[in-house]
């Protein structure tokens, strides 16, 4: 059996950078479109996506086995996808302050602890989809990066505490 080779994977870094950059463009657009309509222009969106994508690509372009590299990519993208529900919640709260006319008759308004939340179906889908995708990718990445035999070692170590 050949030993595992530690190498770098440029494709994994590029995929992670592109996906996370796109997610942050979506997050920034979701929040700023409600809070300050017209502020989010194409150059600003590309700047946010480019800077975030470059930072993520540099983070994911480290040595490791193929399983470690792609597990790190899945974990990174999953954690960034989990920011989508936060952006949707901020957008819903901001929409309650500045409700757009197209949400007046959708029935998506809700009062929670005195805060009026108003949303569009797209914002709700974005939040739910980001949550599901984020949890799935974090679970896959965690499973790929988890060392084998860790549960046995933890069980043996915990047994010493109770003797």
N, C-alpha and C. Protein backbone atom coordinates (compact mmCIF):
# COMPACT_ATOMS: atom_id res chain seq x y z
N UNK A 1 0.84 -1.18 0.00
CA UNK A 1 0.00 0.00 0.00
C UNK A 1 0.88 1.24 0.00
N UNK A 2 0.58 2.19 -0.89
CA UNK A 2 1.37 3.41 -0.98
C UNK A 2 1.00 4.37 0.13
N UNK A 3 1.98 5.09 0.64
CA UNK A 3 1.66 6.09 1.67
C UNK A 3 0.88 7.26 1.06
N UNK A 4 0.07 7.89 1.89
CA UNK A 4 -0.69 9.06 1.43
C UNK A 4 0.26 10.18 1.10
N UNK A 5 0.05 10.77 -0.07
CA UNK A 5 0.88 11.89 -0.47
C UNK A 5 0.23 13.19 -0.03
N UNK A 6 1.05 14.02 0.55
CA UNK A 6 0.58 15.35 0.92
C UNK A 6 0.85 16.26 -0.28
N UNK A 7 -0.18 16.91 -0.74
CA UNK A 7 -0.02 17.79 -1.89
C UNK A 7 -1.01 18.94 -1.78
N UNK A 8 -0.90 19.88 -2.70
CA UNK A 8 -1.83 21.00 -2.78
C UNK A 8 -2.75 20.78 -3.97
N UNK A 9 -3.97 21.24 -3.86
CA UNK A 9 -4.93 21.08 -4.95
C UNK A 9 -5.47 22.46 -5.32
N UNK A 10 -5.02 22.96 -6.45
CA UNK A 10 -5.44 24.29 -6.88
C UNK A 10 -6.92 24.31 -7.26
N UNK A 11 -7.43 23.22 -7.82
CA UNK A 11 -8.85 23.18 -8.21
C UNK A 11 -9.74 23.32 -6.98
N UNK A 12 -9.38 22.66 -5.88
CA UNK A 12 -10.18 22.76 -4.66
C UNK A 12 -10.17 24.19 -4.12
N UNK A 13 -9.02 24.84 -4.17
CA UNK A 13 -8.93 26.21 -3.68
C UNK A 13 -9.75 27.16 -4.56
N UNK A 14 -9.71 26.95 -5.87
CA UNK A 14 -10.48 27.80 -6.78
C UNK A 14 -11.98 27.59 -6.59
N UNK A 15 -12.41 26.33 -6.44
CA UNK A 15 -13.83 26.04 -6.22
C UNK A 15 -14.30 26.69 -4.92
N UNK A 16 -13.53 26.52 -3.85
CA UNK A 16 -13.92 27.11 -2.57
C UNK A 16 -13.97 28.63 -2.66
N UNK A 17 -12.99 29.23 -3.33
CA UNK A 17 -12.97 30.68 -3.46
C UNK A 17 -14.14 31.21 -4.27
N UNK A 18 -14.46 30.55 -5.37
CA UNK A 18 -15.57 31.00 -6.21
C UNK A 18 -16.91 30.86 -5.48
N UNK A 19 -17.12 29.73 -4.82
CA UNK A 19 -18.40 29.51 -4.13
C UNK A 19 -18.56 30.47 -2.95
N UNK A 20 -17.52 30.61 -2.13
CA UNK A 20 -17.63 31.51 -0.97
C UNK A 20 -17.71 32.96 -1.40
N UNK A 21 -17.00 33.34 -2.46
CA UNK A 21 -17.13 34.70 -2.98
C UNK A 21 -18.55 34.97 -3.47
N UNK A 22 -19.13 33.99 -4.16
CA UNK A 22 -20.52 34.13 -4.61
C UNK A 22 -21.50 34.20 -3.46
N UNK A 23 -21.26 33.40 -2.42
CA UNK A 23 -22.14 33.44 -1.25
C UNK A 23 -22.09 34.82 -0.58
N UNK A 24 -20.89 35.39 -0.46
CA UNK A 24 -20.79 36.69 0.19
C UNK A 24 -21.35 37.80 -0.67
N UNK A 25 -21.29 37.66 -1.99
CA UNK A 25 -21.97 38.63 -2.85
C UNK A 25 -23.48 38.56 -2.60
N UNK A 26 -24.00 37.36 -2.44
CA UNK A 26 -25.43 37.16 -2.17
C UNK A 26 -25.81 37.70 -0.79
N UNK A 27 -24.96 37.46 0.20
CA UNK A 27 -25.23 37.95 1.55
C UNK A 27 -25.24 39.48 1.58
N UNK A 28 -24.23 40.08 0.99
CA UNK A 28 -24.16 41.55 0.99
C UNK A 28 -25.31 42.16 0.20
N UNK A 29 -25.67 41.56 -0.91
CA UNK A 29 -26.78 42.07 -1.71
C UNK A 29 -28.10 41.94 -0.95
N UNK A 30 -28.29 40.83 -0.26
CA UNK A 30 -29.52 40.60 0.49
C UNK A 30 -29.71 41.66 1.57
N UNK A 31 -28.66 41.97 2.29
CA UNK A 31 -28.77 42.93 3.39
C UNK A 31 -28.84 44.36 2.85
N UNK A 32 -27.95 44.73 1.96
CA UNK A 32 -27.89 46.11 1.50
C UNK A 32 -29.04 46.50 0.59
N UNK A 33 -29.64 45.54 -0.10
CA UNK A 33 -30.76 45.85 -0.97
C UNK A 33 -31.97 46.32 -0.17
N UNK A 34 -32.09 45.85 1.06
CA UNK A 34 -33.21 46.27 1.90
C UNK A 34 -32.84 47.51 2.70
N UNK A 35 -31.66 47.52 3.28
CA UNK A 35 -31.26 48.64 4.15
C UNK A 35 -31.01 49.92 3.35
N UNK A 36 -30.28 49.81 2.25
CA UNK A 36 -29.95 50.97 1.42
C UNK A 36 -30.10 50.58 -0.06
N UNK A 37 -31.30 50.66 -0.58
CA UNK A 37 -31.49 50.28 -2.00
C UNK A 37 -30.63 51.14 -2.93
N UNK A 38 -30.02 50.51 -3.88
CA UNK A 38 -29.20 51.21 -4.86
C UNK A 38 -27.74 51.35 -4.49
N UNK A 39 -27.37 50.99 -3.25
CA UNK A 39 -25.97 51.10 -2.83
C UNK A 39 -25.15 49.96 -3.42
N UNK A 40 -25.73 48.77 -3.49
CA UNK A 40 -24.99 47.61 -3.95
C UNK A 40 -24.91 47.61 -5.48
N UNK A 41 -23.80 48.10 -6.01
CA UNK A 41 -23.57 48.14 -7.45
C UNK A 41 -22.74 46.92 -7.85
N UNK A 42 -22.62 46.70 -9.12
CA UNK A 42 -21.86 45.55 -9.61
C UNK A 42 -20.39 45.60 -9.20
N UNK A 43 -19.70 46.74 -9.31
CA UNK A 43 -18.29 46.77 -8.86
C UNK A 43 -18.13 46.48 -7.37
N UNK A 44 -19.07 46.97 -6.55
CA UNK A 44 -19.00 46.70 -5.11
C UNK A 44 -19.24 45.22 -4.83
N UNK A 45 -20.22 44.63 -5.50
CA UNK A 45 -20.51 43.20 -5.32
C UNK A 45 -19.32 42.35 -5.76
N UNK A 46 -18.72 42.70 -6.89
CA UNK A 46 -17.54 41.95 -7.36
C UNK A 46 -16.35 42.14 -6.42
N UNK A 47 -16.22 43.32 -5.83
CA UNK A 47 -15.15 43.55 -4.86
C UNK A 47 -15.32 42.70 -3.62
N UNK A 48 -16.55 42.66 -3.09
CA UNK A 48 -16.82 41.83 -1.90
C UNK A 48 -16.56 40.37 -2.22
N UNK A 49 -17.08 39.90 -3.36
CA UNK A 49 -16.88 38.50 -3.75
C UNK A 49 -15.43 38.17 -4.04
N UNK A 50 -14.72 39.09 -4.68
CA UNK A 50 -13.32 38.85 -5.01
C UNK A 50 -12.42 38.77 -3.80
N UNK A 51 -12.59 39.71 -2.87
CA UNK A 51 -11.77 39.70 -1.66
C UNK A 51 -12.04 38.46 -0.81
N UNK A 52 -13.32 38.15 -0.63
CA UNK A 52 -13.67 36.96 0.15
C UNK A 52 -13.19 35.69 -0.54
N UNK A 53 -13.40 35.61 -1.84
CA UNK A 53 -12.98 34.43 -2.59
C UNK A 53 -11.48 34.22 -2.54
N UNK A 54 -10.72 35.30 -2.64
CA UNK A 54 -9.26 35.20 -2.58
C UNK A 54 -8.80 34.74 -1.19
N UNK A 55 -9.41 35.27 -0.15
CA UNK A 55 -9.04 34.87 1.21
C UNK A 55 -9.36 33.39 1.46
N UNK A 56 -10.51 32.94 0.99
CA UNK A 56 -10.88 31.53 1.16
C UNK A 56 -9.97 30.63 0.33
N UNK A 57 -9.64 31.04 -0.88
CA UNK A 57 -8.76 30.23 -1.72
C UNK A 57 -7.38 30.08 -1.09
N UNK A 58 -6.87 31.15 -0.51
CA UNK A 58 -5.56 31.07 0.17
C UNK A 58 -5.65 30.14 1.36
N UNK A 59 -6.76 30.21 2.11
CA UNK A 59 -6.94 29.33 3.26
C UNK A 59 -7.02 27.86 2.85
N UNK A 60 -7.72 27.57 1.77
CA UNK A 60 -7.93 26.18 1.36
C UNK A 60 -6.77 25.61 0.55
N UNK A 61 -5.81 26.43 0.16
CA UNK A 61 -4.69 25.95 -0.65
C UNK A 61 -3.53 25.58 0.27
N UNK A 62 -3.77 24.58 1.10
CA UNK A 62 -2.74 24.08 2.02
C UNK A 62 -2.48 22.61 1.72
N UNK A 63 -1.36 22.14 2.19
CA UNK A 63 -1.00 20.75 1.94
C UNK A 63 -1.92 19.81 2.70
N UNK A 64 -2.13 18.64 2.14
CA UNK A 64 -2.93 17.62 2.79
C UNK A 64 -3.28 16.52 1.80
N UNK A 65 -3.88 15.47 2.32
CA UNK A 65 -4.35 14.41 1.43
C UNK A 65 -5.59 14.93 0.71
N UNK A 66 -6.00 14.21 -0.30
CA UNK A 66 -7.17 14.62 -1.06
C UNK A 66 -8.40 14.70 -0.17
N UNK A 67 -8.53 13.77 0.74
CA UNK A 67 -9.67 13.76 1.67
C UNK A 67 -9.63 14.98 2.58
N UNK A 68 -8.47 15.35 3.07
CA UNK A 68 -8.35 16.52 3.94
C UNK A 68 -8.64 17.81 3.19
N UNK A 69 -8.14 17.90 1.97
CA UNK A 69 -8.33 19.12 1.18
C UNK A 69 -9.81 19.34 0.87
N UNK A 70 -10.48 18.31 0.35
CA UNK A 70 -11.89 18.47 -0.01
C UNK A 70 -12.77 18.55 1.24
N UNK A 71 -12.36 17.93 2.33
CA UNK A 71 -13.09 18.10 3.59
C UNK A 71 -13.00 19.52 4.11
N UNK A 72 -11.81 20.12 3.98
CA UNK A 72 -11.62 21.51 4.38
C UNK A 72 -12.45 22.45 3.50
N UNK A 73 -12.55 22.13 2.20
CA UNK A 73 -13.36 22.94 1.29
C UNK A 73 -14.84 22.84 1.68
N UNK A 74 -15.32 21.62 1.94
CA UNK A 74 -16.73 21.43 2.31
C UNK A 74 -17.05 22.15 3.61
N UNK A 75 -16.15 22.06 4.58
CA UNK A 75 -16.37 22.72 5.87
C UNK A 75 -16.38 24.24 5.71
N UNK A 76 -15.47 24.77 4.93
CA UNK A 76 -15.39 26.22 4.73
C UNK A 76 -16.63 26.75 4.00
N UNK A 77 -17.03 26.09 2.93
CA UNK A 77 -18.21 26.52 2.19
C UNK A 77 -19.46 26.36 3.05
N UNK A 78 -19.53 25.29 3.83
CA UNK A 78 -20.69 25.08 4.71
C UNK A 78 -20.82 26.16 5.77
N UNK A 79 -19.71 26.57 6.36
CA UNK A 79 -19.76 27.63 7.36
C UNK A 79 -20.16 28.96 6.73
N UNK A 80 -19.71 29.21 5.51
CA UNK A 80 -20.12 30.44 4.83
C UNK A 80 -21.60 30.37 4.45
N UNK A 81 -22.09 29.19 4.08
CA UNK A 81 -23.52 29.05 3.74
C UNK A 81 -24.39 29.25 4.97
N UNK A 82 -23.88 28.95 6.15
CA UNK A 82 -24.65 29.17 7.37
C UNK A 82 -24.81 30.66 7.69
N UNK A 83 -24.10 31.52 7.00
CA UNK A 83 -24.31 32.96 7.18
C UNK A 83 -25.53 33.45 6.41
N UNK A 84 -26.04 32.67 5.46
CA UNK A 84 -27.21 33.08 4.69
C UNK A 84 -28.46 33.26 5.56
N UNK A 85 -28.76 32.36 6.52
CA UNK A 85 -29.92 32.61 7.37
C UNK A 85 -29.77 33.87 8.22
N UNK A 86 -28.54 34.18 8.62
CA UNK A 86 -28.31 35.41 9.39
C UNK A 86 -28.60 36.63 8.50
N UNK A 87 -28.15 36.58 7.26
CA UNK A 87 -28.43 37.68 6.33
C UNK A 87 -29.92 37.80 6.06
N UNK A 88 -30.60 36.66 5.95
CA UNK A 88 -32.05 36.69 5.74
C UNK A 88 -32.77 37.28 6.95
N UNK A 89 -32.31 36.95 8.15
CA UNK A 89 -32.92 37.50 9.36
C UNK A 89 -32.71 39.01 9.45
N UNK A 90 -31.49 39.46 9.12
CA UNK A 90 -31.23 40.90 9.12
C UNK A 90 -32.11 41.58 8.07
N UNK A 91 -32.25 40.95 6.93
CA UNK A 91 -33.08 41.52 5.87
C UNK A 91 -34.54 41.57 6.29
N UNK A 92 -35.02 40.52 6.96
CA UNK A 92 -36.40 40.51 7.43
C UNK A 92 -36.64 41.60 8.47
N UNK A 93 -35.67 41.78 9.37
CA UNK A 93 -35.81 42.84 10.37
C UNK A 93 -35.77 44.22 9.74
N UNK A 94 -34.89 44.42 8.78
CA UNK A 94 -34.79 45.71 8.11
C UNK A 94 -36.02 45.97 7.26
N UNK A 95 -36.61 44.91 6.69
CA UNK A 95 -37.82 45.09 5.89
C UNK A 95 -38.99 45.49 6.77
N UNK A 96 -38.98 45.05 8.03
CA UNK A 96 -40.02 45.48 8.95
C UNK A 96 -39.94 46.96 9.23
N UNK A 97 -38.75 47.53 9.16
CA UNK A 97 -38.58 48.96 9.38
C UNK A 97 -38.94 49.73 8.11
N UNK A 98 -38.46 49.24 6.96
CA UNK A 98 -38.73 49.87 5.67
C UNK A 98 -39.44 48.89 4.76
N UNK A 99 -40.75 48.64 4.96
CA UNK A 99 -41.41 47.60 4.15
C UNK A 99 -41.60 48.03 2.70
N UNK A 100 -41.16 47.18 1.76
CA UNK A 100 -41.41 47.50 0.35
C UNK A 100 -42.88 47.25 0.01
N UNK A 101 -43.42 47.93 -0.98
CA UNK A 101 -44.84 47.79 -1.29
C UNK A 101 -45.23 46.40 -1.77
N UNK A 102 -44.31 45.64 -2.36
CA UNK A 102 -44.69 44.32 -2.88
C UNK A 102 -44.90 43.28 -1.78
N UNK A 103 -44.49 43.58 -0.53
CA UNK A 103 -44.70 42.63 0.56
C UNK A 103 -45.95 42.94 1.37
N UNK A 104 -46.69 43.94 1.00
CA UNK A 104 -47.83 44.36 1.80
C UNK A 104 -48.93 43.31 1.84
N UNK A 105 -49.16 42.59 0.77
CA UNK A 105 -50.27 41.66 0.74
C UNK A 105 -49.84 40.20 0.63
N UNK A 106 -48.61 39.87 0.97
CA UNK A 106 -48.15 38.48 0.89
C UNK A 106 -48.46 37.68 2.15
N UNK A 107 -48.74 38.34 3.24
CA UNK A 107 -49.03 37.64 4.48
C UNK A 107 -47.79 37.11 5.15
N UNK A 108 -46.62 37.66 4.85
CA UNK A 108 -45.38 37.19 5.45
C UNK A 108 -44.90 38.10 6.57
N UNK A 109 -45.81 38.88 7.16
CA UNK A 109 -45.39 39.73 8.27
C UNK A 109 -45.64 38.98 9.59
N UNK A 110 -44.78 39.24 10.55
CA UNK A 110 -44.82 38.53 11.82
C UNK A 110 -44.29 39.47 12.90
N UNK A 111 -44.93 39.46 14.05
CA UNK A 111 -44.46 40.24 15.19
C UNK A 111 -43.83 39.29 16.20
N UNK A 112 -42.53 39.45 16.44
CA UNK A 112 -41.80 38.61 17.39
C UNK A 112 -41.20 39.53 18.45
N UNK A 113 -41.65 39.38 19.69
CA UNK A 113 -41.16 40.19 20.81
C UNK A 113 -41.18 41.67 20.49
N UNK A 114 -42.23 42.11 19.84
CA UNK A 114 -42.37 43.53 19.53
C UNK A 114 -41.62 43.99 18.29
N UNK A 115 -40.95 43.10 17.61
CA UNK A 115 -40.22 43.45 16.37
C UNK A 115 -41.04 42.93 15.20
N UNK A 116 -41.34 43.83 14.27
CA UNK A 116 -42.12 43.44 13.10
C UNK A 116 -41.18 42.93 12.01
N UNK A 117 -41.41 41.68 11.59
CA UNK A 117 -40.61 41.07 10.52
C UNK A 117 -41.47 40.94 9.28
N UNK A 118 -40.99 41.44 8.18
CA UNK A 118 -41.70 41.35 6.91
C UNK A 118 -40.71 40.80 5.90
N UNK A 119 -41.14 39.81 5.15
CA UNK A 119 -40.20 39.23 4.20
C UNK A 119 -40.83 38.89 2.88
N UNK A 120 -39.97 38.66 1.92
CA UNK A 120 -40.40 38.18 0.62
C UNK A 120 -40.15 36.68 0.57
N UNK A 121 -40.86 35.97 -0.29
CA UNK A 121 -40.62 34.52 -0.39
C UNK A 121 -39.18 34.19 -0.78
N UNK A 122 -38.54 35.03 -1.56
CA UNK A 122 -37.14 34.77 -1.96
C UNK A 122 -36.21 34.83 -0.75
N UNK A 123 -36.45 35.77 0.16
CA UNK A 123 -35.61 35.88 1.35
C UNK A 123 -35.80 34.67 2.26
N UNK A 124 -37.03 34.22 2.40
CA UNK A 124 -37.30 33.04 3.22
C UNK A 124 -36.64 31.80 2.61
N UNK A 125 -36.76 31.64 1.30
CA UNK A 125 -36.11 30.50 0.63
C UNK A 125 -34.60 30.56 0.77
N UNK A 126 -34.04 31.75 0.67
CA UNK A 126 -32.60 31.93 0.82
C UNK A 126 -32.14 31.50 2.22
N UNK A 127 -32.87 31.89 3.24
CA UNK A 127 -32.50 31.53 4.60
C UNK A 127 -32.60 30.03 4.86
N UNK A 128 -33.69 29.44 4.43
CA UNK A 128 -33.88 27.99 4.64
C UNK A 128 -32.88 27.19 3.81
N UNK A 129 -32.70 27.57 2.56
CA UNK A 129 -31.74 26.86 1.70
C UNK A 129 -30.31 26.97 2.22
N UNK A 130 -29.92 28.15 2.68
CA UNK A 130 -28.58 28.32 3.24
C UNK A 130 -28.37 27.49 4.49
N UNK A 131 -29.41 27.40 5.32
CA UNK A 131 -29.31 26.60 6.54
C UNK A 131 -29.13 25.12 6.22
N UNK A 132 -29.95 24.61 5.32
CA UNK A 132 -29.87 23.18 4.96
C UNK A 132 -28.54 22.87 4.28
N UNK A 133 -28.16 23.69 3.31
CA UNK A 133 -26.90 23.48 2.59
C UNK A 133 -25.70 23.59 3.55
N UNK A 134 -25.75 24.57 4.43
CA UNK A 134 -24.65 24.76 5.39
C UNK A 134 -24.50 23.57 6.32
N UNK A 135 -25.61 23.10 6.87
CA UNK A 135 -25.54 21.93 7.77
C UNK A 135 -25.02 20.70 7.05
N UNK A 136 -25.49 20.49 5.83
CA UNK A 136 -25.05 19.32 5.06
C UNK A 136 -23.55 19.38 4.77
N UNK A 137 -23.06 20.52 4.32
CA UNK A 137 -21.64 20.63 3.99
C UNK A 137 -20.75 20.60 5.24
N UNK A 138 -21.21 21.18 6.34
CA UNK A 138 -20.43 21.11 7.58
C UNK A 138 -20.35 19.67 8.06
N UNK A 139 -21.44 18.93 7.96
CA UNK A 139 -21.41 17.52 8.36
C UNK A 139 -20.47 16.70 7.48
N UNK A 140 -20.49 16.95 6.17
CA UNK A 140 -19.60 16.23 5.25
C UNK A 140 -18.15 16.60 5.53
N UNK A 141 -17.86 17.88 5.69
CA UNK A 141 -16.49 18.31 5.97
C UNK A 141 -15.97 17.81 7.29
N UNK A 142 -16.82 17.81 8.31
CA UNK A 142 -16.42 17.30 9.62
C UNK A 142 -16.12 15.81 9.55
N UNK A 143 -16.95 15.10 8.84
CA UNK A 143 -16.75 13.65 8.69
C UNK A 143 -15.44 13.35 7.94
N UNK A 144 -15.13 14.16 6.94
CA UNK A 144 -13.90 13.94 6.16
C UNK A 144 -12.65 14.29 6.96
N UNK A 145 -12.74 15.29 7.83
CA UNK A 145 -11.55 15.73 8.57
C UNK A 145 -11.37 15.01 9.90
N UNK A 146 -12.39 14.31 10.34
CA UNK A 146 -12.28 13.59 11.61
C UNK A 146 -11.28 12.46 11.49
N UNK A 147 -10.41 12.37 12.49
CA UNK A 147 -9.41 11.29 12.47
C UNK A 147 -10.06 9.97 12.84
N UNK A 148 -9.57 8.92 12.27
CA UNK A 148 -10.10 7.59 12.56
C UNK A 148 -9.69 7.17 13.97
N UNK A 149 -10.59 6.52 14.65
CA UNK A 149 -10.29 6.02 15.98
C UNK A 149 -10.40 7.07 17.07
N UNK A 150 -10.87 8.24 16.75
CA UNK A 150 -10.97 9.30 17.75
C UNK A 150 -12.00 8.94 18.82
N UNK A 151 -13.12 8.33 18.43
CA UNK A 151 -14.15 7.99 19.40
C UNK A 151 -13.64 6.96 20.40
N UNK A 152 -12.84 5.99 19.94
CA UNK A 152 -12.29 4.99 20.84
C UNK A 152 -11.33 5.63 21.84
N UNK A 153 -10.47 6.52 21.36
CA UNK A 153 -9.53 7.19 22.27
C UNK A 153 -10.26 8.06 23.28
N UNK A 154 -11.31 8.73 22.84
CA UNK A 154 -12.06 9.58 23.77
C UNK A 154 -12.77 8.73 24.80
N UNK A 155 -13.31 7.59 24.38
CA UNK A 155 -13.99 6.71 25.31
C UNK A 155 -13.01 6.17 26.37
N UNK A 156 -11.83 5.77 25.92
CA UNK A 156 -10.83 5.27 26.87
C UNK A 156 -10.36 6.38 27.82
N UNK A 157 -10.18 7.59 27.29
CA UNK A 157 -9.74 8.69 28.13
C UNK A 157 -10.78 9.09 29.14
N UNK A 158 -12.06 9.05 28.77
CA UNK A 158 -13.12 9.41 29.70
C UNK A 158 -13.28 8.35 30.77
N UNK A 159 -12.95 7.11 30.45
CA UNK A 159 -13.06 6.05 31.44
C UNK A 159 -12.11 6.26 32.60
N UNK A 160 -10.96 6.89 32.35
CA UNK A 160 -9.99 7.13 33.41
C UNK A 160 -10.50 8.15 34.41
N UNK A 161 -11.33 9.05 33.97
CA UNK A 161 -11.84 10.07 34.88
C UNK A 161 -12.77 9.50 35.94
N UNK A 162 -13.43 8.41 35.62
CA UNK A 162 -14.44 7.87 36.53
C UNK A 162 -13.94 6.68 37.34
N UNK A 163 -12.66 6.36 37.24
CA UNK A 163 -12.15 5.22 38.03
C UNK A 163 -11.65 5.66 39.36
